[in-house]
N, C-alpha and C. Protein backbone atom coordinates (compact mmCIF):
# COMPACT_ATOMS: atom_id res chain seq x y z
N UNK A 1 110.95 106.87 92.33
CA UNK A 1 111.61 107.76 93.26
C UNK A 1 112.24 106.92 94.37
N UNK A 2 113.49 107.14 94.63
CA UNK A 2 114.15 106.39 95.69
C UNK A 2 114.28 107.27 96.93
N UNK A 3 114.39 106.61 98.05
CA UNK A 3 114.56 107.32 99.31
C UNK A 3 116.05 107.54 99.54
N UNK A 4 116.41 108.74 99.91
CA UNK A 4 117.82 109.02 100.16
C UNK A 4 117.97 110.00 101.30
N UNK A 5 119.13 109.95 101.92
CA UNK A 5 119.46 110.85 103.02
C UNK A 5 119.62 112.26 102.47
N UNK A 6 118.98 113.26 103.09
CA UNK A 6 119.13 114.63 102.59
C UNK A 6 120.54 115.21 102.81
N UNK A 7 121.30 114.61 103.72
CA UNK A 7 122.63 115.14 104.01
C UNK A 7 123.71 114.52 103.12
N UNK A 8 123.76 113.17 103.08
CA UNK A 8 124.84 112.51 102.33
C UNK A 8 124.38 111.93 100.99
N UNK A 9 123.07 111.83 100.78
CA UNK A 9 122.55 111.32 99.52
C UNK A 9 122.53 109.81 99.39
N UNK A 10 122.84 109.09 100.45
CA UNK A 10 122.86 107.62 100.41
C UNK A 10 121.43 107.08 100.27
N UNK A 11 121.28 106.04 99.47
CA UNK A 11 119.96 105.40 99.32
C UNK A 11 119.60 104.67 100.59
N UNK A 12 118.32 104.75 100.96
CA UNK A 12 117.81 104.09 102.16
C UNK A 12 116.70 103.14 101.72
N UNK A 13 116.77 101.89 102.17
CA UNK A 13 115.76 100.90 101.80
C UNK A 13 114.45 101.21 102.50
N UNK A 14 113.35 100.84 101.84
CA UNK A 14 112.02 101.16 102.36
C UNK A 14 111.76 100.53 103.72
N UNK A 15 112.31 99.34 103.97
CA UNK A 15 112.07 98.68 105.25
C UNK A 15 112.92 99.27 106.37
N UNK A 16 113.89 100.11 106.05
CA UNK A 16 114.70 100.78 107.07
C UNK A 16 114.10 102.11 107.50
N UNK A 17 113.12 102.60 106.75
CA UNK A 17 112.50 103.89 107.05
C UNK A 17 111.51 103.72 108.19
N UNK A 18 111.60 104.62 109.16
CA UNK A 18 110.67 104.63 110.29
C UNK A 18 110.32 106.08 110.58
N UNK A 19 109.48 106.31 111.56
CA UNK A 19 109.13 107.69 111.91
C UNK A 19 110.37 108.48 112.33
N UNK A 20 111.17 107.89 113.19
CA UNK A 20 112.44 108.47 113.62
C UNK A 20 113.52 107.41 113.44
N UNK A 21 114.57 107.73 112.71
CA UNK A 21 115.64 106.77 112.46
C UNK A 21 116.91 107.53 112.11
N UNK A 22 118.00 106.81 111.97
CA UNK A 22 119.28 107.40 111.61
C UNK A 22 119.73 106.87 110.26
N UNK A 23 120.44 107.68 109.53
CA UNK A 23 120.98 107.27 108.24
C UNK A 23 122.02 106.17 108.48
N UNK A 24 121.96 105.05 107.75
CA UNK A 24 122.93 103.98 107.96
C UNK A 24 124.34 104.35 107.52
N UNK A 25 124.49 105.37 106.69
CA UNK A 25 125.81 105.76 106.19
C UNK A 25 126.46 106.83 107.05
N UNK A 26 125.75 107.94 107.27
CA UNK A 26 126.37 109.07 107.98
C UNK A 26 125.84 109.26 109.41
N UNK A 27 124.92 108.43 109.85
CA UNK A 27 124.33 108.47 111.20
C UNK A 27 123.60 109.77 111.52
N UNK A 28 123.18 110.49 110.52
CA UNK A 28 122.39 111.70 110.74
C UNK A 28 120.99 111.30 111.21
N UNK A 29 120.48 112.03 112.20
CA UNK A 29 119.14 111.75 112.70
C UNK A 29 118.12 112.27 111.70
N UNK A 30 117.21 111.34 111.29
CA UNK A 30 116.22 111.65 110.27
C UNK A 30 114.81 111.36 110.77
N UNK A 31 113.82 111.94 110.10
CA UNK A 31 112.43 111.63 110.39
C UNK A 31 111.69 111.46 109.06
N UNK A 32 110.62 110.70 109.13
CA UNK A 32 109.82 110.45 107.94
C UNK A 32 108.37 110.29 108.35
N UNK A 33 107.48 110.61 107.44
CA UNK A 33 106.05 110.45 107.68
C UNK A 33 105.58 109.25 106.86
N UNK A 34 105.50 108.07 107.51
CA UNK A 34 105.15 106.85 106.79
C UNK A 34 103.80 106.28 107.21
N UNK A 35 103.09 106.95 108.11
CA UNK A 35 101.82 106.41 108.59
C UNK A 35 100.79 106.27 107.48
N UNK A 36 100.62 107.29 106.67
CA UNK A 36 99.61 107.26 105.61
C UNK A 36 99.96 106.22 104.54
N UNK A 37 101.21 106.16 104.03
CA UNK A 37 101.51 105.12 103.05
C UNK A 37 101.37 103.70 103.61
N UNK A 38 101.79 103.49 104.84
CA UNK A 38 101.68 102.16 105.44
C UNK A 38 100.22 101.78 105.68
N UNK A 39 99.41 102.73 106.13
CA UNK A 39 97.99 102.47 106.35
C UNK A 39 97.27 102.20 105.03
N UNK A 40 97.62 102.95 104.01
CA UNK A 40 97.02 102.72 102.69
C UNK A 40 97.34 101.34 102.16
N UNK A 41 98.59 100.90 102.32
CA UNK A 41 98.98 99.56 101.88
C UNK A 41 98.22 98.49 102.67
N UNK A 42 98.04 98.70 103.97
CA UNK A 42 97.33 97.72 104.80
C UNK A 42 95.85 97.63 104.43
N UNK A 43 95.23 98.77 104.16
CA UNK A 43 93.80 98.77 103.81
C UNK A 43 93.57 98.07 102.46
N UNK A 44 94.40 98.40 101.48
CA UNK A 44 94.26 97.78 100.17
C UNK A 44 94.52 96.28 100.25
N UNK A 45 95.54 95.87 101.00
CA UNK A 45 95.84 94.44 101.16
C UNK A 45 94.70 93.73 101.89
N UNK A 46 94.09 94.37 102.87
CA UNK A 46 92.95 93.78 103.58
C UNK A 46 91.75 93.58 102.67
N UNK A 47 91.46 94.56 101.85
CA UNK A 47 90.37 94.42 100.88
C UNK A 47 90.68 93.33 99.86
N UNK A 48 91.93 93.25 99.45
CA UNK A 48 92.35 92.21 98.52
C UNK A 48 92.20 90.83 99.15
N UNK A 49 92.49 90.73 100.46
CA UNK A 49 92.32 89.45 101.15
C UNK A 49 90.86 89.01 101.17
N UNK A 50 89.94 89.94 101.42
CA UNK A 50 88.52 89.59 101.39
C UNK A 50 88.10 89.10 100.02
N UNK A 51 88.59 89.73 98.99
CA UNK A 51 88.27 89.32 97.63
C UNK A 51 88.82 87.93 97.33
N UNK A 52 90.08 87.69 97.66
CA UNK A 52 90.70 86.39 97.41
C UNK A 52 90.00 85.30 98.23
N UNK A 53 89.72 85.61 99.51
CA UNK A 53 89.07 84.61 100.38
C UNK A 53 87.71 84.21 99.81
N UNK A 54 86.92 85.21 99.39
CA UNK A 54 85.59 84.88 98.88
C UNK A 54 85.66 84.09 97.57
N UNK A 55 86.61 84.39 96.71
CA UNK A 55 86.75 83.66 95.45
C UNK A 55 87.18 82.22 95.71
N UNK A 56 88.20 82.04 96.56
CA UNK A 56 88.71 80.69 96.82
C UNK A 56 87.68 79.86 97.59
N UNK A 57 87.04 80.47 98.60
CA UNK A 57 86.08 79.71 99.40
C UNK A 57 84.85 79.32 98.58
N UNK A 58 84.42 80.20 97.69
CA UNK A 58 83.24 79.87 96.88
C UNK A 58 83.55 78.81 95.83
N UNK A 59 84.78 78.78 95.35
CA UNK A 59 85.11 77.78 94.32
C UNK A 59 85.54 76.44 94.92
N UNK A 60 86.29 76.45 96.03
CA UNK A 60 86.79 75.20 96.61
C UNK A 60 85.99 74.72 97.82
N UNK A 61 85.33 75.66 98.51
CA UNK A 61 84.54 75.35 99.70
C UNK A 61 85.38 74.69 100.81
N UNK A 62 86.65 75.09 100.90
CA UNK A 62 87.55 74.61 101.96
C UNK A 62 88.03 75.85 102.72
N UNK A 63 87.53 76.01 103.94
CA UNK A 63 87.79 77.25 104.67
C UNK A 63 89.26 77.44 105.03
N UNK A 64 89.93 76.40 105.52
CA UNK A 64 91.32 76.57 105.95
C UNK A 64 92.23 76.89 104.77
N UNK A 65 91.96 76.33 103.60
CA UNK A 65 92.75 76.62 102.42
C UNK A 65 92.51 78.05 101.94
N UNK A 66 91.26 78.46 101.97
CA UNK A 66 90.94 79.83 101.57
C UNK A 66 91.60 80.84 102.50
N UNK A 67 91.59 80.55 103.80
CA UNK A 67 92.22 81.45 104.77
C UNK A 67 93.72 81.50 104.56
N UNK A 68 94.35 80.34 104.41
CA UNK A 68 95.80 80.29 104.25
C UNK A 68 96.25 80.99 102.96
N UNK A 69 95.58 80.70 101.86
CA UNK A 69 95.94 81.34 100.60
C UNK A 69 95.65 82.83 100.62
N UNK A 70 94.53 83.21 101.24
CA UNK A 70 94.20 84.63 101.35
C UNK A 70 95.25 85.40 102.14
N UNK A 71 95.69 84.83 103.25
CA UNK A 71 96.72 85.49 104.06
C UNK A 71 98.06 85.55 103.32
N UNK A 72 98.42 84.49 102.66
CA UNK A 72 99.69 84.45 101.93
C UNK A 72 99.69 85.46 100.79
N UNK A 73 98.63 85.47 100.01
CA UNK A 73 98.57 86.40 98.88
C UNK A 73 98.44 87.85 99.35
N UNK A 74 97.59 88.11 100.33
CA UNK A 74 97.44 89.49 100.79
C UNK A 74 98.69 89.98 101.52
N UNK A 75 99.40 89.08 102.18
CA UNK A 75 100.66 89.47 102.80
C UNK A 75 101.69 89.89 101.76
N UNK A 76 101.74 89.15 100.67
CA UNK A 76 102.65 89.50 99.58
C UNK A 76 102.24 90.82 98.94
N UNK A 77 100.95 91.01 98.76
CA UNK A 77 100.45 92.27 98.20
C UNK A 77 100.79 93.43 99.13
N UNK A 78 100.63 93.23 100.45
CA UNK A 78 100.95 94.29 101.41
C UNK A 78 102.42 94.67 101.33
N UNK A 79 103.32 93.68 101.31
CA UNK A 79 104.74 93.99 101.25
C UNK A 79 105.09 94.76 99.98
N UNK A 80 104.55 94.34 98.86
CA UNK A 80 104.82 95.04 97.60
C UNK A 80 104.27 96.46 97.63
N UNK A 81 103.04 96.63 98.09
CA UNK A 81 102.44 97.96 98.16
C UNK A 81 103.15 98.86 99.16
N UNK A 82 103.60 98.27 100.28
CA UNK A 82 104.32 99.05 101.30
C UNK A 82 105.58 99.65 100.70
N UNK A 83 106.36 98.82 100.00
CA UNK A 83 107.59 99.32 99.39
C UNK A 83 107.29 100.41 98.36
N UNK A 84 106.29 100.17 97.51
CA UNK A 84 105.95 101.14 96.47
C UNK A 84 105.44 102.45 97.09
N UNK A 85 104.51 102.35 98.04
CA UNK A 85 103.92 103.54 98.64
C UNK A 85 104.93 104.33 99.47
N UNK A 86 105.76 103.64 100.24
CA UNK A 86 106.75 104.36 101.06
C UNK A 86 107.76 105.06 100.16
N UNK A 87 108.20 104.39 99.10
CA UNK A 87 109.15 105.04 98.19
C UNK A 87 108.52 106.23 97.46
N UNK A 88 107.26 106.11 97.12
CA UNK A 88 106.62 107.16 96.31
C UNK A 88 106.07 108.31 97.15
N UNK A 89 105.49 108.01 98.32
CA UNK A 89 104.75 109.03 99.05
C UNK A 89 105.39 109.52 100.35
N UNK A 90 106.47 108.92 100.80
CA UNK A 90 107.08 109.41 102.04
C UNK A 90 108.24 110.34 101.71
N UNK A 91 108.52 111.21 102.64
CA UNK A 91 109.59 112.18 102.46
C UNK A 91 110.49 112.12 103.69
N UNK A 92 111.77 112.06 103.45
CA UNK A 92 112.74 112.00 104.55
C UNK A 92 113.28 113.41 104.80
N UNK A 93 113.28 113.78 106.07
CA UNK A 93 113.75 115.11 106.46
C UNK A 93 114.76 114.98 107.59
N UNK A 94 115.57 116.01 107.77
CA UNK A 94 116.48 116.05 108.92
C UNK A 94 115.66 116.28 110.18
N UNK A 95 116.02 115.57 111.24
CA UNK A 95 115.34 115.74 112.51
C UNK A 95 115.98 116.90 113.25
N UNK A 96 115.19 117.88 113.65
CA UNK A 96 115.69 119.06 114.34
C UNK A 96 115.44 118.90 115.83
N UNK A 97 116.47 119.14 116.62
CA UNK A 97 116.34 119.07 118.06
C UNK A 97 115.93 120.44 118.57
N UNK A 98 114.73 120.52 119.14
CA UNK A 98 114.21 121.80 119.63
C UNK A 98 114.46 121.99 121.12
N UNK A 99 115.47 121.36 121.65
CA UNK A 99 115.77 121.50 123.08
C UNK A 99 116.29 122.91 123.34
N UNK A 100 115.90 123.43 124.48
CA UNK A 100 116.33 124.79 124.84
C UNK A 100 117.82 124.80 125.16
N UNK A 101 118.52 125.77 124.64
CA UNK A 101 119.96 125.90 124.91
C UNK A 101 120.15 126.76 126.14
N UNK A 102 121.06 126.37 127.01
CA UNK A 102 121.27 127.17 128.24
C UNK A 102 121.99 128.47 127.97
């Protein structure tokens, strides 16, 4: 599932999606709910980092290498999961201005 503007249908990249943002093509004000997908990606990547760190540290017994590799691998896992989760679980909607009209 790709992310697209509800007004013009233009594709929007996952890293351009925020809670409140504008469509890069038609400048329509949009909103999205990305907190849950982003948090899910961060939690899974954090657990993956603990797993990688413990495996590397137990086999090599070099703390700085285990930390560096754990951060590098879990960072890559986070970015991949973020893109997948935001594309799959977030929904883009038109932002409605509820300001009172005079």
